[in-house]
C-alpha cells in the first residue's frame, strides 16, 4: 500500500496507477461558518486535513517583520478595513468573502511610482527559515507537501491596481502594467526558489485569467504581460529542483489557455470546473501532458445534489480524469455553508473508495 506522498507523486507524474486516487478539499477545506459546522459535527479540534487524512499538506512563508502603514496610500478608509502585506485593503461581508475595495496602486500615474511602492519582503530568506523542517516533518509522516503561491501575478496585480484600471493599463498604460507584473514576478521567483530549496513536492500557483465564458484578455495580452512571468517562476523553481511539480489554479472555462499554460511549464491544472469545461475533451486532448486536480463542482453537485449525486460525480469524474492516473480529486474550490454537511461526508467517503 502506498503512503499519501507516493500515491500523489505517482498520480501527478503519471508514472503509474496509484493504489487509489489521491484527494483533498481545497484551501483549508471550509469557510468559517462551514468550519463551525465541521467542529460541531465531528467534535474534533484537528484541522480538516488531519481529521480526514487528506493526501496533501501545505506550507506558507513565516510572518513579516515589516510594519508598513498602508493607510498613506488612501485619502480615507472604512473603520473596519484590514490590509494584507501587499497593501490590499478589505472589509468583512455577510458572505464570508472579504470585499477587497482598497487598491494601493490605483492612483499611481507612472512606473517610477510603482517601483517606489512599499513592496512586501516575501522573497527574503528569513521568511522561510522554518519551512524546511515543516516540509521534512510532513514528508516523514508520508504526506506530499505543497508550497502555496496563489494570486501569483494577474490576480495580485489587479487587486493592487483595481480590476478596471489594470485591464485598461494593458492598452493605455503598458509601462505601468509591465512595472507591476515585473515587481510581483521578481518576488514570486524568490518565493519559488525558497520553496524548492525547502524540498516541497509541489508549488501551487494560481491566477484566474478566464471567466466561465472564456478569456478575460486576448491571447496576445496574456502572452505579453502575464505568461513571461509564469515561465520565469517555473524555471526558477526547476533550476533549484527539477523534480518539483508546478501546479496552476485557474477557475473558469480554461481550455482556451491550456496551451499557454503548458508552454509556460505548468504540469498540473486545477480546478477544471465541470460547470463550464468539457472534462472528457480536456483529458483526451491534454492528458498526456497535464495532470488534473479537482473536477467536482462547487456550483452544482456539492451544494445542490444529494449525497448519492455527490458519490456518483466522484466516481464519474475519476473515470474521466483519472482512469490511467493523472488525477487528484477535489472540489473545485473552498466549501461554504451552501454545501450540506451530508455532501461533505459523501465526497470524503466516495474519494476514499476510489481504488483502481
Protein backbone atom coordinates (compact mmCIF):
# COMPACT_ATOMS: atom_id res chain seq x y z
CA UNK A 1 0.00 0.00 0.00
CA UNK A 2 1.32 3.44 -0.94
CA UNK A 3 1.58 6.29 1.50
CA UNK A 4 0.00 9.60 0.57
CA UNK A 5 3.16 11.11 -0.89
CA UNK A 6 3.90 8.07 -3.05
CA UNK A 7 0.27 7.99 -4.18
CA UNK A 8 0.17 11.66 -5.15
CA UNK A 9 3.55 11.73 -6.91
CA UNK A 10 2.71 8.59 -8.86
CA UNK A 11 -0.56 10.14 -9.96
CA UNK A 12 0.68 13.63 -10.83
CA UNK A 13 3.86 12.47 -12.55
CA UNK A 14 1.80 9.91 -14.47
CA UNK A 15 4.41 7.22 -13.79
CA UNK A 16 1.86 4.53 -12.95
CA UNK A 17 -1.51 3.83 -11.37
CA UNK A 18 -1.72 4.70 -7.65
CA UNK A 19 -3.37 2.31 -5.21
CA UNK A 20 -6.21 4.83 -5.04
CA UNK A 21 -6.79 8.29 -6.45
CA UNK A 22 -5.46 10.93 -4.00
CA UNK A 23 -7.87 13.55 -2.66
CA UNK A 24 -8.22 16.72 -0.61
CA UNK A 25 -10.60 19.65 -0.10
CA UNK A 26 -9.09 22.90 -1.33
CA UNK A 27 -7.95 25.98 0.62
CA UNK A 28 -8.19 24.62 4.12
CA UNK A 29 -11.48 22.91 3.24
CA UNK A 30 -14.14 25.25 4.66
CA UNK A 31 -15.16 28.88 5.03
CA UNK A 32 -15.70 29.97 8.67
CA UNK A 33 -19.38 29.04 9.04
CA UNK A 34 -18.88 25.62 7.49
CA UNK A 35 -15.79 25.20 9.66
CA UNK A 36 -18.06 25.77 12.65
CA UNK A 37 -20.33 23.01 11.33
CA UNK A 38 -17.28 20.76 10.92
CA UNK A 39 -16.35 21.31 14.57
CA UNK A 40 -19.92 20.60 15.71
CA UNK A 41 -20.39 17.51 13.54
CA UNK A 42 -17.03 15.89 14.21
CA UNK A 43 -16.25 17.16 17.70
CA UNK A 44 -12.64 17.42 16.54
CA UNK A 45 -10.12 20.15 17.25
CA UNK A 46 -7.91 18.92 14.43
CA UNK A 47 -7.64 20.82 11.16
CA UNK A 48 -9.67 19.12 8.40
CA UNK A 49 -6.59 17.80 6.59
CA UNK A 50 -5.64 15.85 9.70
CA UNK A 51 -9.14 14.67 10.63
CA UNK A 52 -10.00 13.48 7.12
CA UNK A 53 -6.39 12.49 6.32
CA UNK A 54 -6.00 14.29 3.02
CA UNK A 55 -3.07 13.20 0.88
CA UNK A 56 -1.57 16.72 0.94
CA UNK A 57 -0.20 19.18 3.46
CA UNK A 58 0.86 22.76 2.77
CA UNK A 59 3.45 25.27 3.96
CA UNK A 60 3.50 29.05 3.92
CA UNK A 61 6.18 31.71 4.49
CA UNK A 62 6.66 32.88 8.05
CA UNK A 63 5.32 36.27 9.19
CA UNK A 64 6.87 39.51 8.03
CA UNK A 65 8.84 41.83 10.28
CA UNK A 66 7.73 44.85 8.27
CA UNK A 67 5.16 47.20 9.77
CA UNK A 68 4.13 49.18 6.72
CA UNK A 69 1.44 51.82 7.16
CA UNK A 70 -0.64 51.38 4.02
CA UNK A 71 -3.19 54.00 5.05
CA UNK A 72 -0.93 56.65 3.49
CA UNK A 73 -1.94 55.41 0.04
CA UNK A 74 -5.62 56.24 0.58
CA UNK A 75 -7.39 59.56 1.21
CA UNK A 76 -9.93 57.91 3.54
CA UNK A 77 -10.71 54.45 4.89
CA UNK A 78 -13.52 52.46 6.49
CA UNK A 79 -13.07 51.89 10.19
CA UNK A 80 -13.06 48.09 9.78
CA UNK A 81 -10.54 47.89 6.93
CA UNK A 82 -7.65 45.45 7.21
CA UNK A 83 -4.60 45.20 4.97
CA UNK A 84 -2.62 42.25 3.72
CA UNK A 85 1.12 42.61 3.32
CA UNK A 86 0.75 43.72 -0.31
CA UNK A 87 -1.30 46.71 0.88
CA UNK A 88 -4.64 45.47 -0.44
CA UNK A 89 -7.39 46.61 1.92
CA UNK A 90 -10.56 44.64 2.59
CA UNK A 91 -13.68 44.93 4.69
CA UNK A 92 -15.73 41.99 6.01
CA UNK A 93 -19.03 40.98 4.42
CA UNK A 94 -22.01 38.87 5.41
CA UNK A 95 -20.96 36.27 2.81
CA UNK A 96 -17.62 35.36 4.40
CA UNK A 97 -15.63 36.55 1.38
CA UNK A 98 -13.82 39.85 2.08
CA UNK A 99 -14.63 42.86 -0.07
CA UNK A 100 -11.27 43.96 -1.50
CA UNK A 101 -12.15 47.60 -2.03
CA UNK A 102 -8.81 49.35 -1.40
CA UNK A 103 -6.17 49.11 -4.16
CA UNK A 104 -2.91 50.82 -3.17
CA UNK A 105 -1.53 51.33 -6.69
CA UNK A 106 -4.76 52.65 -8.17
CA UNK A 107 -3.84 56.34 -8.16
CA UNK A 108 -0.26 55.96 -9.35
CA UNK A 109 0.49 57.61 -12.67
CA UNK A 110 3.87 56.30 -13.82
CA UNK A 111 6.19 53.32 -13.45
CA UNK A 112 8.57 55.15 -11.11
CA UNK A 113 5.81 55.36 -8.50
CA UNK A 114 5.25 51.61 -8.86
CA UNK A 115 8.95 50.97 -8.25
CA UNK A 116 8.95 53.25 -5.18
CA UNK A 117 5.99 51.46 -3.58
CA UNK A 118 6.43 49.68 -0.22
CA UNK A 119 6.60 46.15 -1.63
CA UNK A 120 6.48 43.21 0.81
CA UNK A 121 9.54 41.17 1.76
CA UNK A 122 8.09 37.78 0.79
CA UNK A 123 11.26 36.98 -1.10
CA UNK A 124 13.54 37.37 1.92
CA UNK A 125 15.25 34.27 3.31
CA UNK A 126 14.15 34.81 6.93
CA UNK A 127 10.52 34.21 5.91
CA UNK A 128 11.43 30.58 5.04
CA UNK A 129 13.70 29.62 7.93
CA UNK A 130 11.13 27.23 9.44
CA UNK A 131 9.80 25.85 6.16
CA UNK A 132 12.37 23.07 5.50
CA UNK A 133 11.74 21.49 8.90
CA UNK A 134 7.96 21.56 8.35
CA UNK A 135 8.37 20.02 4.90
CA UNK A 136 10.57 17.23 6.24
CA UNK A 137 8.16 16.57 9.11
CA UNK A 138 5.17 16.17 6.78
CA UNK A 139 7.15 14.04 4.33
CA UNK A 140 8.40 11.82 7.15
CA UNK A 141 4.75 11.23 8.04
CA UNK A 142 4.15 10.21 4.44
CA UNK A 143 2.43 13.30 3.01
CA UNK A 144 3.09 15.30 -0.15
CA UNK A 145 3.83 18.93 0.63
CA UNK A 146 2.67 21.99 -1.31
CA UNK A 147 4.23 25.45 -1.22
CA UNK A 148 1.43 27.98 -1.66
CA UNK A 149 1.73 30.90 -4.09
CA UNK A 150 -1.85 31.66 -5.17
CA UNK A 151 -2.80 35.01 -6.74
CA UNK A 152 0.54 34.66 -8.43
CA UNK A 153 0.72 37.58 -10.87
CA UNK A 154 -2.51 38.68 -12.56
CA UNK A 155 -4.87 38.41 -9.61
CA UNK A 156 -2.46 40.20 -7.32
CA UNK A 157 -1.81 42.90 -9.93
CA UNK A 158 -5.48 43.75 -10.30
CA UNK A 159 -6.06 43.60 -6.56
CA UNK A 160 -3.29 46.15 -6.10
CA UNK A 161 -4.28 48.35 -9.04
CA UNK A 162 -8.04 47.78 -9.27
CA UNK A 163 -9.55 45.47 -11.89
CA UNK A 164 -10.84 48.10 -14.31
CA UNK A 165 -7.72 50.24 -14.04
CA UNK A 166 -5.34 47.32 -14.52
CA UNK A 167 -7.20 45.91 -17.52
CA UNK A 168 -7.12 49.33 -19.22
CA UNK A 169 -3.41 49.64 -18.35
CA UNK A 170 -2.71 46.89 -20.87
CA UNK A 171 -3.74 49.32 -23.61
CA UNK A 172 -3.38 52.83 -22.17
CA UNK A 173 -0.51 52.49 -19.65
CA UNK A 174 1.53 49.42 -20.68
CA UNK A 175 4.64 50.66 -18.84
CA UNK A 176 2.70 50.67 -15.58
CA UNK A 177 1.28 47.21 -16.30
CA UNK A 178 4.76 45.87 -17.04
CA UNK A 179 6.16 47.52 -13.90
CA UNK A 180 3.51 45.95 -11.67
CA UNK A 181 3.81 42.49 -13.21
CA UNK A 182 7.59 42.73 -13.13
CA UNK A 183 7.85 43.60 -9.45
CA UNK A 184 5.39 40.88 -8.47
CA UNK A 185 7.21 38.34 -10.64
CA UNK A 186 10.57 39.06 -9.01
CA UNK A 187 9.08 38.43 -5.56
CA UNK A 188 7.39 35.24 -6.76
CA UNK A 189 10.65 33.98 -8.28
CA UNK A 190 12.35 34.33 -4.91
CA UNK A 191 9.46 32.53 -3.22
CA UNK A 192 9.60 29.68 -5.72
CA UNK A 193 13.33 29.26 -5.14
CA UNK A 194 12.90 29.22 -1.37
CA UNK A 195 10.11 26.62 -1.57
CA UNK A 196 12.14 24.48 -3.96
CA UNK A 197 15.18 24.67 -1.66
CA UNK A 198 12.92 23.67 1.25
CA UNK A 199 12.04 20.45 -0.59
CA UNK A 200 8.33 20.92 -1.28
CA UNK A 201 6.87 18.38 -3.70
CA UNK A 202 4.52 20.82 -5.41
CA UNK A 203 4.45 24.59 -5.89
CA UNK A 204 0.88 25.78 -6.28
CA UNK A 205 0.43 28.87 -8.43
CA UNK A 206 -2.92 30.47 -9.19
CA UNK A 207 -4.35 33.14 -11.48
CA UNK A 208 -7.91 33.32 -12.79
CA UNK A 209 -7.25 34.69 -16.28
CA UNK A 210 -10.55 33.44 -17.74
CA UNK A 211 -14.22 33.75 -16.84
CA UNK A 212 -16.79 30.99 -17.12
CA UNK A 213 -17.43 32.22 -20.66
CA UNK A 214 -13.83 32.32 -21.83
CA UNK A 215 -10.73 34.53 -21.94
CA UNK A 216 -10.58 37.61 -19.74
CA UNK A 217 -7.93 39.11 -22.03
CA UNK A 218 -6.66 38.38 -25.51
CA UNK A 219 -4.02 35.73 -26.09
CA UNK A 220 -1.64 38.48 -27.18
CA UNK A 221 -2.10 40.45 -23.95
CA UNK A 222 -1.67 37.32 -21.81
CA UNK A 223 1.50 36.36 -23.65
CA UNK A 224 2.98 39.84 -23.34
CA UNK A 225 2.20 40.70 -19.73
CA UNK A 226 1.46 37.53 -17.73
CA UNK A 227 2.89 34.39 -19.32
CA UNK A 228 6.56 35.51 -19.29
CA UNK A 229 6.44 35.87 -15.52
CA UNK A 230 4.89 32.41 -15.10
CA UNK A 231 7.65 30.94 -17.27
CA UNK A 232 10.33 32.62 -15.14
CA UNK A 233 8.77 31.41 -11.90
CA UNK A 234 8.59 27.82 -13.16
CA UNK A 235 12.15 27.99 -14.48
CA UNK A 236 13.45 29.34 -11.17
CA UNK A 237 11.83 26.52 -9.21
CA UNK A 238 13.06 23.88 -11.66
CA UNK A 239 16.59 25.28 -11.58
CA UNK A 240 16.71 24.57 -7.85
CA UNK A 241 14.87 21.23 -8.02
CA UNK A 242 13.99 19.76 -11.42
CA UNK A 243 11.68 17.26 -9.70
CA UNK A 244 9.37 19.83 -8.12
CA UNK A 245 5.88 19.76 -9.66
CA UNK A 246 4.32 23.09 -10.67
CA UNK A 247 0.53 23.44 -10.40
CA UNK A 248 -1.72 26.21 -11.72
CA UNK A 249 -5.15 27.10 -10.35
CA UNK A 250 -7.32 28.85 -12.91
CA UNK A 251 -11.08 28.96 -12.40
CA UNK A 252 -13.41 29.29 -15.38
CA UNK A 253 -13.55 27.94 -18.94
CA UNK A 254 -9.88 27.23 -19.11
CA UNK A 255 -9.45 25.28 -22.35
CA UNK A 256 -8.53 28.38 -24.36
CA UNK A 257 -5.43 28.99 -22.22
CA UNK A 258 -4.21 25.43 -21.56
CA UNK A 259 -1.67 25.50 -24.38
CA UNK A 260 -0.22 28.73 -22.98
CA UNK A 261 -0.03 27.20 -19.50
CA UNK A 262 1.75 24.11 -20.80
CA UNK A 263 4.14 26.34 -22.77
CA UNK A 264 4.93 28.17 -19.51
CA UNK A 265 5.85 24.87 -17.84
CA UNK A 266 2.67 24.10 -15.90
CA UNK A 267 2.31 20.38 -15.14
CA UNK A 268 -0.91 20.17 -13.11
CA UNK A 269 -4.18 22.01 -13.87
CA UNK A 270 -6.73 22.94 -11.22
CA UNK A 271 -9.73 23.01 -10.76
CA UNK A 272 -11.28 22.03 -14.14
CA UNK A 273 -14.72 23.33 -13.21
CA UNK A 274 -17.28 20.85 -14.59
CA UNK A 275 -19.92 23.57 -14.95
CA UNK A 276 -18.01 25.28 -17.78
CA UNK A 277 -15.48 22.74 -19.10
CA UNK A 278 -15.75 19.50 -21.08
CA UNK A 279 -13.71 17.25 -18.81
CA UNK A 280 -13.62 14.37 -21.27
CA UNK A 281 -12.36 16.53 -24.12
CA UNK A 282 -9.70 18.17 -21.94
CA UNK A 283 -8.48 14.77 -20.72
CA UNK A 284 -8.34 13.37 -24.24
CA UNK A 285 -6.54 16.42 -25.64
CA UNK A 286 -4.11 17.18 -22.81
CA UNK A 287 -3.93 14.09 -20.57
CA UNK A 288 -0.55 13.06 -21.94
CA UNK A 289 0.95 16.44 -21.00
CA UNK A 290 -1.03 17.53 -17.93
CA UNK A 291 -2.31 16.03 -14.73
CA UNK A 292 -5.50 17.26 -13.13
CA UNK A 293 -6.53 18.36 -9.64
CA UNK A 294 -10.19 18.99 -8.77
CA UNK A 295 -13.15 18.25 -11.00
CA UNK A 296 -16.06 18.25 -8.52
CA UNK A 297 -18.45 21.18 -8.96
CA UNK A 298 -19.00 23.62 -6.11
CA UNK A 299 -21.70 25.48 -8.06
CA UNK A 300 -23.66 22.32 -8.88
CA UNK A 301 -23.42 18.94 -7.23
CA UNK A 302 -21.75 19.88 -3.93
CA UNK A 303 -24.35 22.50 -2.87
CA UNK A 304 -27.38 21.25 -4.82
CA UNK A 305 -27.03 17.48 -5.23
CA UNK A 306 -27.95 14.66 -2.89
CA UNK A 307 -25.23 12.64 -1.18
CA UNK A 308 -25.71 9.95 -3.81
CA UNK A 309 -25.34 12.59 -6.54
CA UNK A 310 -22.02 13.58 -4.96
CA UNK A 311 -20.82 9.98 -4.83
CA UNK A 312 -21.82 9.50 -8.47
CA UNK A 313 -19.99 12.68 -9.50
CA UNK A 314 -16.85 11.48 -7.74
CA UNK A 315 -16.96 8.10 -9.49
CA UNK A 316 -17.72 9.60 -12.91
CA UNK A 317 -15.08 12.32 -12.62
CA UNK A 318 -12.50 9.78 -11.53
CA UNK A 319 -13.36 7.59 -14.50
CA UNK A 320 -12.90 10.51 -16.91
CA UNK A 321 -9.89 12.37 -15.49
CA UNK A 322 -8.13 9.63 -13.54
CA UNK A 323 -8.70 6.30 -15.23
CA UNK A 324 -5.00 5.97 -16.14
CA UNK A 325 -3.60 8.08 -13.30
CA UNK A 326 -3.00 11.81 -13.53
CA UNK A 327 -5.66 12.95 -11.04
CA UNK A 328 -6.06 14.27 -7.52
CA UNK A 329 -9.80 14.53 -6.99
CA UNK A 330 -11.17 17.51 -5.06
CA UNK A 331 -13.96 20.05 -5.03
CA UNK A 332 -13.22 22.88 -7.43
CA UNK A 333 -12.92 25.44 -4.62
CA UNK A 334 -13.27 26.02 -0.90
CA UNK A 335 -16.60 24.79 0.50
CA UNK A 336 -19.06 27.27 2.01
CA UNK A 337 -22.28 26.96 4.06
CA UNK A 338 -24.37 26.31 0.92
CA UNK A 339 -22.88 22.80 0.91
CA UNK A 340 -24.86 20.40 3.16
CA UNK A 341 -22.68 18.58 5.64
CA UNK A 342 -24.00 15.26 4.32
CA UNK A 343 -22.48 16.12 0.94
CA UNK A 344 -19.09 16.81 2.51
CA UNK A 345 -19.21 13.39 4.12
CA UNK A 346 -20.34 11.83 0.84
CA UNK A 347 -17.39 13.35 -1.02
CA UNK A 348 -14.89 12.11 1.57
CA UNK A 349 -16.43 8.63 1.64
CA UNK A 350 -16.52 8.32 -2.15
CA UNK A 351 -12.98 9.66 -2.60
CA UNK A 352 -11.60 7.13 -0.11
CA UNK A 353 -13.18 4.34 -2.13
CA UNK A 354 -11.51 5.24 -5.43
CA UNK A 355 -9.32 2.17 -5.68
CA UNK A 356 -8.03 1.26 -9.11
